[in-house]
Amino acid sequence: MPSRPGECLIKLRMAGICGTDLQLLEGYAEFRGIPGHEFVGHVESVDSRADAVWIDKRVVGEINVGCERCDWCAIGEKEHCPRRTVVGIRGRDGAFADYVTLPASNLHEVPDSIDDRSAVFVEPLAAACRILEQVDVDEASRVAVLGDGRLGLLAAQVLRTRARDVVLLGRHERKMAVARALGVETRPSGAEDAHGFDIVVEATGSASGIVEAVELVRPRGIVVMKSTVHGEAPVATWPMVVNEVTLVGSRCGPFETAIGLLASGAVRVEPLVTSVLPLESHDQAFAEARRGLKVLFAIE
């Protein structure tokens, strides 16, 4: 049973496997422990009377826990705290378990209109919403999302709430068919007419994705880098210099925005669910996650 002073104990209901979890198995971040950072659960107990209002609430949780003493934490940017822990990624066990703990300040209540399967997507959807905080996207923006996996499908839907011209570029017809069913235009990666985009979101989960993204963006365009991979990318920097390309690293994002998009139906996630399995079937779950889209663990 996990226990951390001052934190809430969360009984997990469901958790999802993401690309970062697969990279952890390859050695990304040199993590040792229980992985998993996309989850929904209910608060079973708290360590402080002030947090008692959270008991029995169904919640999702922001994954970065700051030290509360540094300059980054002072301005509310705990995801850049140099001493932070990160659920299932850095110095803190994750959600592929029966229980996890988090400070109450990291929790967000899930409205009844969002079921558990959809609630698991709040964390990755928030990461997709982060793009809109970092980059000026409007109706006239010509946007490409490179990668037809879990994050690519979420990012494309989020970007369509702002821009009319959004295309998803992928290599897997089955996954692109899901995107089309969600109303997202698709083209195969490498298509001759796919170039000169104002904004390219790289979500391939591959070290080589940044190379293709730089080829797709127009001069003085923006490449948003979303992939976290184990290894190094063989990137020639001269095209970025000559074409004055802006590279934007993009990570965690606003949970309330993500919850709002799910509640309103502006973003749909049910078609992304490939299968739901118990924790005991972890080998099968990770194998399916490498081939398909979103695999969920049903923990209750």
C-alpha atoms as a PDB file:
ATOM      1  CA  MET A   1       0.000   0.000   0.000  1.00  0.00           C
ATOM      2  CA  PRO A   2       1.637   3.274  -1.058  1.00  0.00           C
ATOM      3  CA  SER A   3       1.872   6.036   1.519  1.00  0.00           C
ATOM      4  CA  ARG A   4       3.317   9.541   1.254  1.00  0.00           C
ATOM      5  CA  PRO A   5       2.924  12.195   3.962  1.00  0.00           C
ATOM      6  CA  GLY A   6       0.375  14.855   3.058  1.00  0.00           C
ATOM      7  CA  GLU A   7      -0.987  13.015   0.023  1.00  0.00           C
ATOM      8  CA  CYS A   8      -4.323  11.468  -0.912  1.00  0.00           C
ATOM      9  CA  LEU A   9      -4.652   7.712  -1.383  1.00  0.00           C
ATOM     10  CA  ILE A  10      -6.416   6.953  -4.671  1.00  0.00           C
ATOM     11  CA  LYS A  11      -8.032   3.580  -5.412  1.00  0.00           C
ATOM     12  CA  LEU A  12      -7.503   3.142  -9.119  1.00  0.00           C
ATOM     13  CA  ARG A  13     -10.390   2.230 -11.405  1.00  0.00           C
ATOM     14  CA  MET A  14      -8.772   2.312 -14.825  1.00  0.00           C
ATOM     15  CA  ALA A  15      -5.399   3.202 -16.381  1.00  0.00           C
ATOM     16  CA  GLY A  16      -4.101   3.555 -19.922  1.00  0.00           C
ATOM     17  CA  ILE A  17      -0.893   2.573 -21.696  1.00  0.00           C
ATOM     18  CA  CYS A  18       0.729   5.389 -23.669  1.00  0.00           C
ATOM     19  CA  GLY A  19       3.771   5.703 -25.902  1.00  0.00           C
ATOM     20  CA  THR A  20       5.919   6.928 -23.022  1.00  0.00           C
ATOM     21  CA  ASP A  21       5.163   3.721 -21.098  1.00  0.00           C
ATOM     22  CA  LEU A  22       6.406   1.700 -24.063  1.00  0.00           C
ATOM     23  CA  GLN A  23       9.557   3.834 -24.213  1.00  0.00           C
ATOM     24  CA  LEU A  24      10.151   3.261 -20.483  1.00  0.00           C
ATOM     25  CA  LEU A  25      10.473  -0.435 -21.244  1.00  0.00           C
ATOM     26  CA  GLU A  26      13.207   0.455 -23.732  1.00  0.00           C
ATOM     27  CA  GLY A  27      15.112   2.443 -21.100  1.00  0.00           C
ATOM     28  CA  TYR A  28      13.679   5.961 -21.439  1.00  0.00           C
ATOM     29  CA  ALA A  29      14.367   8.107 -18.345  1.00  0.00           C
ATOM     30  CA  GLU A  30      16.091   5.106 -16.698  1.00  0.00           C
ATOM     31  CA  PHE A  31      12.923   4.623 -14.660  1.00  0.00           C
ATOM     32  CA  ARG A  32      12.610   1.748 -12.194  1.00  0.00           C
ATOM     33  CA  GLY A  33       9.313   1.129 -10.469  1.00  0.00           C
ATOM     34  CA  ILE A  34       5.633   0.876 -11.343  1.00  0.00           C
ATOM     35  CA  PRO A  35       4.827   2.687 -14.619  1.00  0.00           C
ATOM     36  CA  GLY A  36       1.533   4.250 -15.689  1.00  0.00           C
ATOM     37  CA  HIS A  37       0.441   7.883 -15.527  1.00  0.00           C
ATOM     38  CA  GLU A  38      -2.940   8.016 -17.291  1.00  0.00           C
ATOM     39  CA  PHE A  39      -5.632   7.026 -14.801  1.00  0.00           C
ATOM     40  CA  VAL A  40      -8.960   7.565 -13.147  1.00  0.00           C
ATOM     41  CA  GLY A  41      -9.768   6.533  -9.594  1.00  0.00           C
ATOM     42  CA  HIS A  42     -11.551   7.595  -6.449  1.00  0.00           C
ATOM     43  CA  VAL A  43     -10.014   9.079  -3.337  1.00  0.00           C
ATOM     44  CA  GLU A  44     -10.135   6.541  -0.536  1.00  0.00           C
ATOM     45  CA  SER A  45      -8.365   8.424   2.242  1.00  0.00           C
ATOM     46  CA  VAL A  46      -6.430  11.627   2.925  1.00  0.00           C
ATOM     47  CA  ASP A  47      -3.595  12.601   5.225  1.00  0.00           C
ATOM     48  CA  SER A  48      -4.891  16.061   6.086  1.00  0.00           C
ATOM     49  CA  ARG A  49      -8.222  17.299   7.398  1.00  0.00           C
ATOM     50  CA  ALA A  50      -8.110  20.106   4.868  1.00  0.00           C
ATOM     51  CA  ASP A  51      -8.257  17.509   2.075  1.00  0.00           C
ATOM     52  CA  ALA A  52     -11.263  15.629   3.478  1.00  0.00           C
ATOM     53  CA  VAL A  53     -13.525  17.167   0.809  1.00  0.00           C
ATOM     54  CA  TRP A  54     -11.818  14.877  -1.732  1.00  0.00           C
ATOM     55  CA  ILE A  55     -12.837  11.602  -0.074  1.00  0.00           C
ATOM     56  CA  ASP A  56     -14.960   9.417  -2.401  1.00  0.00           C
ATOM     57  CA  LYS A  57     -14.576  11.826  -5.326  1.00  0.00           C
ATOM     58  CA  ARG A  58     -13.755  10.339  -8.736  1.00  0.00           C
ATOM     59  CA  VAL A  59     -10.568  12.002  -9.915  1.00  0.00           C
ATOM     60  CA  VAL A  60      -7.799  12.247 -12.463  1.00  0.00           C
ATOM     61  CA  GLY A  61      -4.414  13.630 -11.534  1.00  0.00           C
ATOM     62  CA  GLU A  62      -1.690  15.887 -12.857  1.00  0.00           C
ATOM     63  CA  ILE A  63       1.463  13.812 -12.893  1.00  0.00           C
ATOM     64  CA  ASN A  64       4.173  16.324 -11.869  1.00  0.00           C
ATOM     65  CA  VAL A  65       4.714  16.847  -8.143  1.00  0.00           C
ATOM     66  CA  GLY A  66       6.964  19.800  -7.325  1.00  0.00           C
ATOM     67  CA  CYS A  67       9.128  20.520  -4.302  1.00  0.00           C
ATOM     68  CA  GLU A  68       6.999  23.595  -3.395  1.00  0.00           C
ATOM     69  CA  ARG A  69      10.172  25.536  -2.555  1.00  0.00           C
ATOM     70  CA  CYS A  70      11.828  26.494  -5.859  1.00  0.00           C
ATOM     71  CA  ASP A  71      11.147  29.464  -8.145  1.00  0.00           C
ATOM     72  CA  TRP A  72       9.293  27.253 -10.652  1.00  0.00           C
ATOM     73  CA  CYS A  73       6.886  25.972  -8.017  1.00  0.00           C
ATOM     74  CA  ALA A  74       6.376  29.532  -6.758  1.00  0.00           C
ATOM     75  CA  ILE A  75       4.953  30.545 -10.157  1.00  0.00           C
ATOM     76  CA  GLY A  76       2.867  27.386 -10.512  1.00  0.00           C
ATOM     77  CA  GLU A  77       5.124  25.674 -13.061  1.00  0.00           C
ATOM     78  CA  LYS A  78       5.786  22.484 -11.132  1.00  0.00           C
ATOM     79  CA  GLU A  79       6.410  20.524 -14.338  1.00  0.00           C
ATOM     80  CA  HIS A  80       9.784  22.306 -14.538  1.00  0.00           C
ATOM     81  CA  CYS A  81      10.718  21.964 -10.875  1.00  0.00           C
ATOM     82  CA  PRO A  82      14.264  20.548 -10.830  1.00  0.00           C
ATOM     83  CA  ARG A  83      13.371  18.316  -7.871  1.00  0.00           C
ATOM     84  CA  ARG A  84       9.998  17.181  -9.154  1.00  0.00           C
ATOM     85  CA  THR A  85       8.768  13.610  -9.145  1.00  0.00           C
ATOM     86  CA  VAL A  86       6.553  12.369 -11.965  1.00  0.00           C
ATOM     87  CA  VAL A  87       3.926   9.655 -11.616  1.00  0.00           C
ATOM     88  CA  GLY A  88       5.206   6.464 -13.199  1.00  0.00           C
ATOM     89  CA  ILE A  89       8.134   8.228 -14.894  1.00  0.00           C
ATOM     90  CA  ARG A  90      10.487   9.849 -12.397  1.00  0.00           C
ATOM     91  CA  GLY A  91      11.007   8.939  -8.753  1.00  0.00           C
ATOM     92  CA  ARG A  92       7.381   7.998  -8.101  1.00  0.00           C
ATOM     93  CA  ASP A  93       5.434   4.790  -8.666  1.00  0.00           C
ATOM     94  CA  GLY A  94       2.618   4.947 -11.166  1.00  0.00           C
ATOM     95  CA  ALA A  95      -0.904   3.796 -11.895  1.00  0.00           C
ATOM     96  CA  PHE A  96      -0.515   0.213 -13.123  1.00  0.00           C
ATOM     97  CA  ALA A  97      -1.402  -0.848  -9.604  1.00  0.00           C
ATOM     98  CA  ASP A  98      -4.302  -0.942  -7.158  1.00  0.00           C
ATOM     99  CA  TYR A  99      -3.443   2.381  -5.520  1.00  0.00           C
ATOM    100  CA  VAL A 100      -1.464   5.549  -6.185  1.00  0.00           C
ATOM    101  CA  THR A 101      -0.920   8.690  -4.089  1.00  0.00           C
ATOM    102  CA  LEU A 102      -0.919  12.369  -5.072  1.00  0.00           C
ATOM    103  CA  PRO A 103      -1.253  15.740  -3.340  1.00  0.00           C
ATOM    104  CA  ALA A 104      -4.782  17.127  -3.407  1.00  0.00           C
ATOM    105  CA  SER A 105      -3.484  20.091  -5.436  1.00  0.00           C
ATOM    106  CA  ASN A 106      -2.830  17.686  -8.335  1.00  0.00           C
ATOM    107  CA  LEU A 107      -6.367  16.293  -8.423  1.00  0.00           C
ATOM    108  CA  HIS A 108      -9.292  17.180 -10.683  1.00  0.00           C
ATOM    109  CA  GLU A 109     -12.804  15.867 -10.116  1.00  0.00           C
ATOM    110  CA  VAL A 110     -14.341  14.042 -13.072  1.00  0.00           C
ATOM    111  CA  PRO A 111     -17.950  15.020 -13.875  1.00  0.00           C
ATOM    112  CA  ASP A 112     -20.573  12.261 -14.101  1.00  0.00           C
ATOM    113  CA  SER A 113     -20.979  12.928 -17.821  1.00  0.00           C
ATOM    114  CA  ILE A 114     -17.510  11.462 -18.482  1.00  0.00           C
ATOM    115  CA  ASP A 115     -17.204   7.693 -18.031  1.00  0.00           C
ATOM    116  CA  ASP A 116     -14.069   5.945 -16.787  1.00  0.00           C
ATOM    117  CA  ARG A 117     -12.855   4.898 -20.219  1.00  0.00           C
ATOM    118  CA  SER A 118     -12.953   8.494 -21.405  1.00  0.00           C
ATOM    119  CA  ALA A 119     -11.553   9.918 -18.160  1.00  0.00           C
ATOM    120  CA  VAL A 120      -8.312   7.963 -18.666  1.00  0.00           C
ATOM    121  CA  PHE A 121      -7.673  10.199 -21.681  1.00  0.00           C
ATOM    122  CA  VAL A 122      -7.665  13.443 -19.679  1.00  0.00           C
ATOM    123  CA  GLU A 123      -3.882  13.433 -19.138  1.00  0.00           C
ATOM    124  CA  PRO A 124      -2.851  12.838 -22.795  1.00  0.00           C
ATOM    125  CA  LEU A 125      -5.618  15.128 -24.024  1.00  0.00           C
ATOM    126  CA  ALA A 126      -4.298  17.866 -21.731  1.00  0.00           C
ATOM    127  CA  ALA A 127      -0.879  17.344 -23.342  1.00  0.00           C
ATOM    128  CA  ALA A 128      -2.508  17.919 -26.735  1.00  0.00           C
ATOM    129  CA  CYS A 129      -4.231  21.052 -25.415  1.00  0.00           C
ATOM    130  CA  ARG A 130      -0.828  22.387 -24.352  1.00  0.00           C
ATOM    131  CA  ILE A 131      -0.128  23.100 -28.037  1.00  0.00           C
ATOM    132  CA  LEU A 132      -2.827  25.775 -28.052  1.00  0.00           C
ATOM    133  CA  GLU A 133      -1.166  27.497 -25.081  1.00  0.00           C
ATOM    134  CA  GLN A 134       2.215  27.598 -26.805  1.00  0.00           C
ATOM    135  CA  VAL A 135       1.404  28.291 -30.451  1.00  0.00           C
ATOM    136  CA  ASP A 136      -0.929  30.807 -32.063  1.00  0.00           C
ATOM    137  CA  VAL A 137      -3.411  28.637 -33.981  1.00  0.00           C
ATOM    138  CA  ASP A 138      -6.315  30.295 -35.783  1.00  0.00           C
ATOM    139  CA  GLU A 139      -8.835  29.502 -38.522  1.00  0.00           C
ATOM    140  CA  ALA A 140      -6.360  30.322 -41.281  1.00  0.00           C
ATOM    141  CA  SER A 141      -3.525  28.132 -39.924  1.00  0.00           C
ATOM    142  CA  ARG A 142      -2.455  25.236 -42.120  1.00  0.00           C
ATOM    143  CA  VAL A 143      -1.616  22.443 -39.687  1.00  0.00           C
ATOM    144  CA  ALA A 144      -0.213  18.924 -40.014  1.00  0.00           C
ATOM    145  CA  VAL A 145      -0.090  16.289 -37.295  1.00  0.00           C
ATOM    146  CA  LEU A 146       2.635  13.776 -38.038  1.00  0.00           C
ATOM    147  CA  GLY A 147       1.841  10.387 -36.525  1.00  0.00           C
ATOM    148  CA  ASP A 148      -1.375   8.353 -36.443  1.00  0.00           C
ATOM    149  CA  GLY A 149      -1.034   6.976 -32.920  1.00  0.00           C
ATOM    150  CA  ARG A 150      -2.858   7.826 -29.707  1.00  0.00           C
ATOM    151  CA  LEU A 151      -1.460  11.323 -29.229  1.00  0.00           C
ATOM    152  CA  GLY A 152      -1.662  12.206 -32.908  1.00  0.00           C
ATOM    153  CA  LEU A 153      -5.380  11.426 -33.008  1.00  0.00           C
ATOM    154  CA  LEU A 154      -5.992  13.529 -29.905  1.00  0.00           C
ATOM    155  CA  ALA A 155      -3.862  16.435 -31.139  1.00  0.00           C
ATOM    156  CA  ALA A 156      -5.640  16.509 -34.497  1.00  0.00           C
ATOM    157  CA  GLN A 157      -9.041  16.753 -32.803  1.00  0.00           C
ATOM    158  CA  VAL A 158      -7.845  19.510 -30.469  1.00  0.00           C
ATOM    159  CA  LEU A 159      -6.325  21.538 -33.314  1.00  0.00           C
ATOM    160  CA  ARG A 160      -9.569  21.248 -35.293  1.00  0.00           C
ATOM    161  CA  THR A 161     -11.291  23.272 -32.581  1.00  0.00           C
ATOM    162  CA  ARG A 162      -9.209  26.260 -33.772  1.00  0.00           C
ATOM    163  CA  ALA A 163      -8.080  25.668 -37.385  1.00  0.00           C
ATOM    164  CA  ARG A 164     -10.096  24.649 -40.436  1.00  0.00           C
ATOM    165  CA  ASP A 165      -7.173  23.058 -42.312  1.00  0.00           C
ATOM    166  CA  VAL A 166      -5.814  20.186 -40.210  1.00  0.00           C
ATOM    167  CA  VAL A 167      -4.436  17.009 -41.769  1.00  0.00           C
ATOM    168  CA  LEU A 168      -3.108  13.902 -40.050  1.00  0.00           C
ATOM    169  CA  LEU A 169      -0.196  12.179 -41.790  1.00  0.00           C
ATOM    170  CA  GLY A 170       0.256   8.508 -40.973  1.00  0.00           C
ATOM    171  CA  ARG A 171       1.534   5.134 -42.074  1.00  0.00           C
ATOM    172  CA  HIS A 172      -1.210   2.811 -40.825  1.00  0.00           C
ATOM    173  CA  GLU A 173      -4.459   2.683 -42.788  1.00  0.00           C
ATOM    174  CA  ARG A 174      -6.372   1.149 -39.870  1.00  0.00           C
ATOM    175  CA  LYS A 175      -5.446   4.029 -37.571  1.00  0.00           C
ATOM    176  CA  MET A 176      -6.064   6.657 -40.229  1.00  0.00           C
ATOM    177  CA  ALA A 177      -9.519   5.153 -40.757  1.00  0.00           C
ATOM    178  CA  VAL A 178     -10.227   5.917 -37.088  1.00  0.00           C
ATOM    179  CA  ALA A 179      -9.111   9.504 -37.671  1.00  0.00           C
ATOM    180  CA  ARG A 180     -11.416   9.864 -40.665  1.00  0.00           C
ATOM    181  CA  ALA A 181     -14.319   8.465 -38.646  1.00  0.00           C
ATOM    182  CA  LEU A 182     -13.617  11.287 -36.178  1.00  0.00           C
ATOM    183  CA  GLY A 183     -13.824  13.832 -38.992  1.00  0.00           C
ATOM    184  CA  VAL A 184     -10.064  14.355 -39.395  1.00  0.00           C
ATOM    185  CA  GLU A 185      -8.580  14.569 -42.891  1.00  0.00           C
ATOM    186  CA  THR A 186      -5.740  12.095 -43.466  1.00  0.00           C
ATOM    187  CA  ARG A 187      -2.952  11.544 -45.952  1.00  0.00           C
ATOM    188  CA  PRO A 188      -0.147   8.992 -46.074  1.00  0.00           C
ATOM    189  CA  SER A 189       3.213  10.138 -44.749  1.00  0.00           C
ATOM    190  CA  GLY A 190       5.434  11.124 -47.652  1.00  0.00           C
ATOM    191  CA  ALA A 191       2.570  12.342 -49.845  1.00  0.00           C
ATOM    192  CA  GLU A 192       3.967  14.715 -52.456  1.00  0.00           C
ATOM    193  CA  ASP A 193       1.341  17.401 -51.826  1.00  0.00           C
ATOM    194  CA  ALA A 194       1.937  17.361 -48.058  1.00  0.00           C
ATOM    195  CA  HIS A 195       4.393  20.166 -47.391  1.00  0.00           C
ATOM    196  CA  GLY A 196       4.608  23.865 -46.602  1.00  0.00           C
ATOM    197  CA  PHE A 197       2.546  23.717 -43.401  1.00  0.00           C
ATOM    198  CA  ASP A 198       2.455  26.664 -40.990  1.00  0.00           C
ATOM    199  CA  ILE A 199       2.556  24.303 -38.014  1.00  0.00           C
ATOM    200  CA  VAL A 200       3.664  20.667 -37.821  1.00  0.00           C
ATOM    201  CA  VAL A 201       3.025  18.652 -34.666  1.00  0.00           C
ATOM    202  CA  GLU A 202       5.473  15.747 -34.425  1.00  0.00           C
ATOM    203  CA  ALA A 203       3.761  12.862 -32.601  1.00  0.00           C
ATOM    204  CA  THR A 204       5.293   9.802 -34.236  1.00  0.00           C
ATOM    205  CA  GLY A 205       6.901   8.363 -31.114  1.00  0.00           C
ATOM    206  CA  SER A 206      10.007   7.848 -33.219  1.00  0.00           C
ATOM    207  CA  ALA A 207      13.426   9.502 -33.014  1.00  0.00           C
ATOM    208  CA  SER A 208      13.317  10.062 -36.777  1.00  0.00           C
ATOM    209  CA  GLY A 209       9.983  11.915 -36.687  1.00  0.00           C
ATOM    210  CA  ILE A 210      11.630  15.309 -36.170  1.00  0.00           C
ATOM    211  CA  VAL A 211      13.488  14.902 -39.477  1.00  0.00           C
ATOM    212  CA  GLU A 212      10.245  14.508 -41.418  1.00  0.00           C
ATOM    213  CA  ALA A 213       8.554  17.285 -39.460  1.00  0.00           C
ATOM    214  CA  VAL A 214      11.263  19.787 -40.444  1.00  0.00           C
ATOM    215  CA  GLU A 215      10.816  18.768 -44.088  1.00  0.00           C
ATOM    216  CA  LEU A 216       7.060  19.403 -43.922  1.00  0.00           C
ATOM    217  CA  VAL A 217       7.044  22.870 -42.333  1.00  0.00           C
ATOM    218  CA  ARG A 218       7.269  26.071 -44.354  1.00  0.00           C
ATOM    219  CA  PRO A 219      10.091  28.607 -43.908  1.00  0.00           C
ATOM    220  CA  ARG A 220       9.534  30.461 -40.613  1.00  0.00           C
ATOM    221  CA  GLY A 221       7.005  27.824 -39.632  1.00  0.00           C
ATOM    222  CA  ILE A 222       6.710  26.052 -36.288  1.00  0.00           C
ATOM    223  CA  VAL A 223       7.446  22.429 -35.384  1.00  0.00           C
ATOM    224  CA  VAL A 224       5.895  21.268 -32.114  1.00  0.00           C
ATOM    225  CA  MET A 225       7.820  18.312 -30.686  1.00  0.00           C
ATOM    226  CA  LYS A 226       5.674  15.867 -28.728  1.00  0.00           C
ATOM    227  CA  SER A 227       7.558  12.553 -28.907  1.00  0.00           C
ATOM    228  CA  THR A 228       9.529  11.388 -25.877  1.00  0.00           C
ATOM    229  CA  VAL A 229      11.755   8.544 -27.046  1.00  0.00           C
ATOM    230  CA  HIS A 230      14.673   6.549 -25.763  1.00  0.00           C
ATOM    231  CA  GLY A 231      17.649   7.398 -27.952  1.00  0.00           C
ATOM    232  CA  GLU A 232      18.861  10.268 -30.086  1.00  0.00           C
ATOM    233  CA  ALA A 233      17.471  11.771 -33.274  1.00  0.00           C
ATOM    234  CA  PRO A 234      19.808  12.067 -36.289  1.00  0.00           C
ATOM    235  CA  VAL A 235      18.851  15.605 -37.245  1.00  0.00           C
ATOM    236  CA  ALA A 236      20.606  17.917 -39.701  1.00  0.00           C
ATOM    237  CA  THR A 237      20.299  21.391 -38.200  1.00  0.00           C
ATOM    238  CA  TRP A 238      21.068  23.455 -41.304  1.00  0.00           C
ATOM    239  CA  PRO A 239      17.509  23.287 -42.743  1.00  0.00           C
ATOM    240  CA  MET A 240      16.178  24.728 -39.481  1.00  0.00           C
ATOM    241  CA  VAL A 241      18.708  27.550 -39.595  1.00  0.00           C
ATOM    242  CA  VAL A 242      18.286  28.348 -43.291  1.00  0.00           C
ATOM    243  CA  ASN A 243      14.478  28.204 -43.116  1.00  0.00           C
ATOM    244  CA  GLU A 244      14.334  29.908 -39.709  1.00  0.00           C
ATOM    245  CA  VAL A 245      12.156  27.153 -38.272  1.00  0.00           C
ATOM    246  CA  THR A 246      10.942  27.489 -34.700  1.00  0.00           C
ATOM    247  CA  LEU A 247      11.125  24.308 -32.595  1.00  0.00           C
ATOM    248  CA  VAL A 248       8.752  24.105 -29.630  1.00  0.00           C
ATOM    249  CA  GLY A 249       9.079  21.408 -26.988  1.00  0.00           C
ATOM    250  CA  SER A 250       5.645  20.526 -25.637  1.00  0.00           C
ATOM    251  CA  ARG A 251       4.706  18.337 -22.709  1.00  0.00           C
ATOM    252  CA  CYS A 252       1.995  18.445 -20.033  1.00  0.00           C
ATOM    253  CA  GLY A 253      -1.059  20.649 -20.347  1.00  0.00           C
ATOM    254  CA  PRO A 254      -4.284  22.008 -18.790  1.00  0.00           C
ATOM    255  CA  PHE A 255      -6.539  19.349 -17.270  1.00  0.00           C
ATOM    256  CA  GLU A 256      -9.615  21.569 -16.983  1.00  0.00           C
ATOM    257  CA  THR A 257      -9.501  22.340 -20.704  1.00  0.00           C
ATOM    258  CA  ALA A 258      -9.229  18.635 -21.511  1.00  0.00           C
ATOM    259  CA  ILE A 259     -12.115  17.761 -19.197  1.00  0.00           C
ATOM    260  CA  GLY A 260     -14.216  20.460 -20.869  1.00  0.00           C
ATOM    261  CA  LEU A 261     -13.511  19.098 -24.366  1.00  0.00           C
ATOM    262  CA  LEU A 262     -14.506  15.583 -23.304  1.00  0.00           C
ATOM    263  CA  ALA A 263     -17.643  16.758 -21.506  1.00  0.00           C
ATOM    264  CA  SER A 264     -18.778  18.826 -24.501  1.00  0.00           C
ATOM    265  CA  GLY A 265     -18.091  16.082 -27.035  1.00  0.00           C
ATOM    266  CA  ALA A 266     -15.697  18.327 -28.983  1.00  0.00           C
ATOM    267  CA  VAL A 267     -13.107  15.552 -28.648  1.00  0.00           C
ATOM    268  CA  ARG A 268     -14.166  11.906 -28.913  1.00  0.00           C
ATOM    269  CA  VAL A 269     -11.974   9.159 -27.503  1.00  0.00           C
ATOM    270  CA  GLU A 270     -14.053   5.977 -27.444  1.00  0.00           C
ATOM    271  CA  PRO A 271     -12.996   4.978 -31.018  1.00  0.00           C
ATOM    272  CA  LEU A 272      -9.361   5.008 -29.853  1.00  0.00           C
ATOM    273  CA  VAL A 273      -9.862   2.197 -27.317  1.00  0.00           C
ATOM    274  CA  THR A 274      -8.450  -1.037 -28.728  1.00  0.00           C
ATOM    275  CA  SER A 275      -9.053  -3.261 -25.715  1.00  0.00           C
ATOM    276  CA  VAL A 276      -9.629  -3.313 -21.953  1.00  0.00           C
ATOM    277  CA  LEU A 277      -7.702  -5.905 -19.939  1.00  0.00           C
ATOM    278  CA  PRO A 278      -6.968  -6.732 -16.291  1.00  0.00           C
ATOM    279  CA  LEU A 279      -3.548  -5.924 -14.828  1.00  0.00           C
ATOM    280  CA  GLU A 280      -2.777  -9.646 -14.777  1.00  0.00           C
ATOM    281  CA  SER A 281      -2.761  -9.586 -18.605  1.00  0.00           C
ATOM    282  CA  HIS A 282       0.036  -7.009 -18.734  1.00  0.00           C
ATOM    283  CA  ASP A 283       2.140  -8.878 -21.300  1.00  0.00           C
ATOM    284  CA  GLN A 284      -0.802  -9.079 -23.688  1.00  0.00           C
ATOM    285  CA  ALA A 285      -1.731  -5.454 -22.972  1.00  0.00           C
ATOM    286  CA  PHE A 286       1.714  -4.087 -23.810  1.00  0.00           C
ATOM    287  CA  ALA A 287       1.920  -6.234 -26.949  1.00  0.00           C
ATOM    288  CA  GLU A 288      -1.453  -4.900 -28.137  1.00  0.00           C
ATOM    289  CA  ALA A 289      -0.434  -1.329 -27.275  1.00  0.00           C
ATOM    290  CA  ARG A 290       2.544  -1.626 -29.626  1.00  0.00           C
ATOM    291  CA  ARG A 291       0.250  -2.620 -32.497  1.00  0.00           C
ATOM    292  CA  GLY A 292      -2.962  -0.756 -31.817  1.00  0.00           C
ATOM    293  CA  LEU A 293      -4.179   2.462 -30.273  1.00  0.00           C
ATOM    294  CA  LYS A 294      -5.244   2.764 -26.643  1.00  0.00           C
ATOM    295  CA  VAL A 295      -5.148  -0.278 -24.359  1.00  0.00           C
ATOM    296  CA  LEU A 296      -6.709   0.198 -20.938  1.00  0.00           C
ATOM    297  CA  PHE A 297      -6.297  -1.682 -17.678  1.00  0.00           C
ATOM    298  CA  ALA A 298      -9.542  -2.279 -15.773  1.00  0.00           C
ATOM    299  CA  ILE A 299      -8.408  -2.313 -12.157  1.00  0.00           C
ATOM    300  CA  GLU A 300     -11.716  -2.566 -10.294  1.00  0.00           C
END
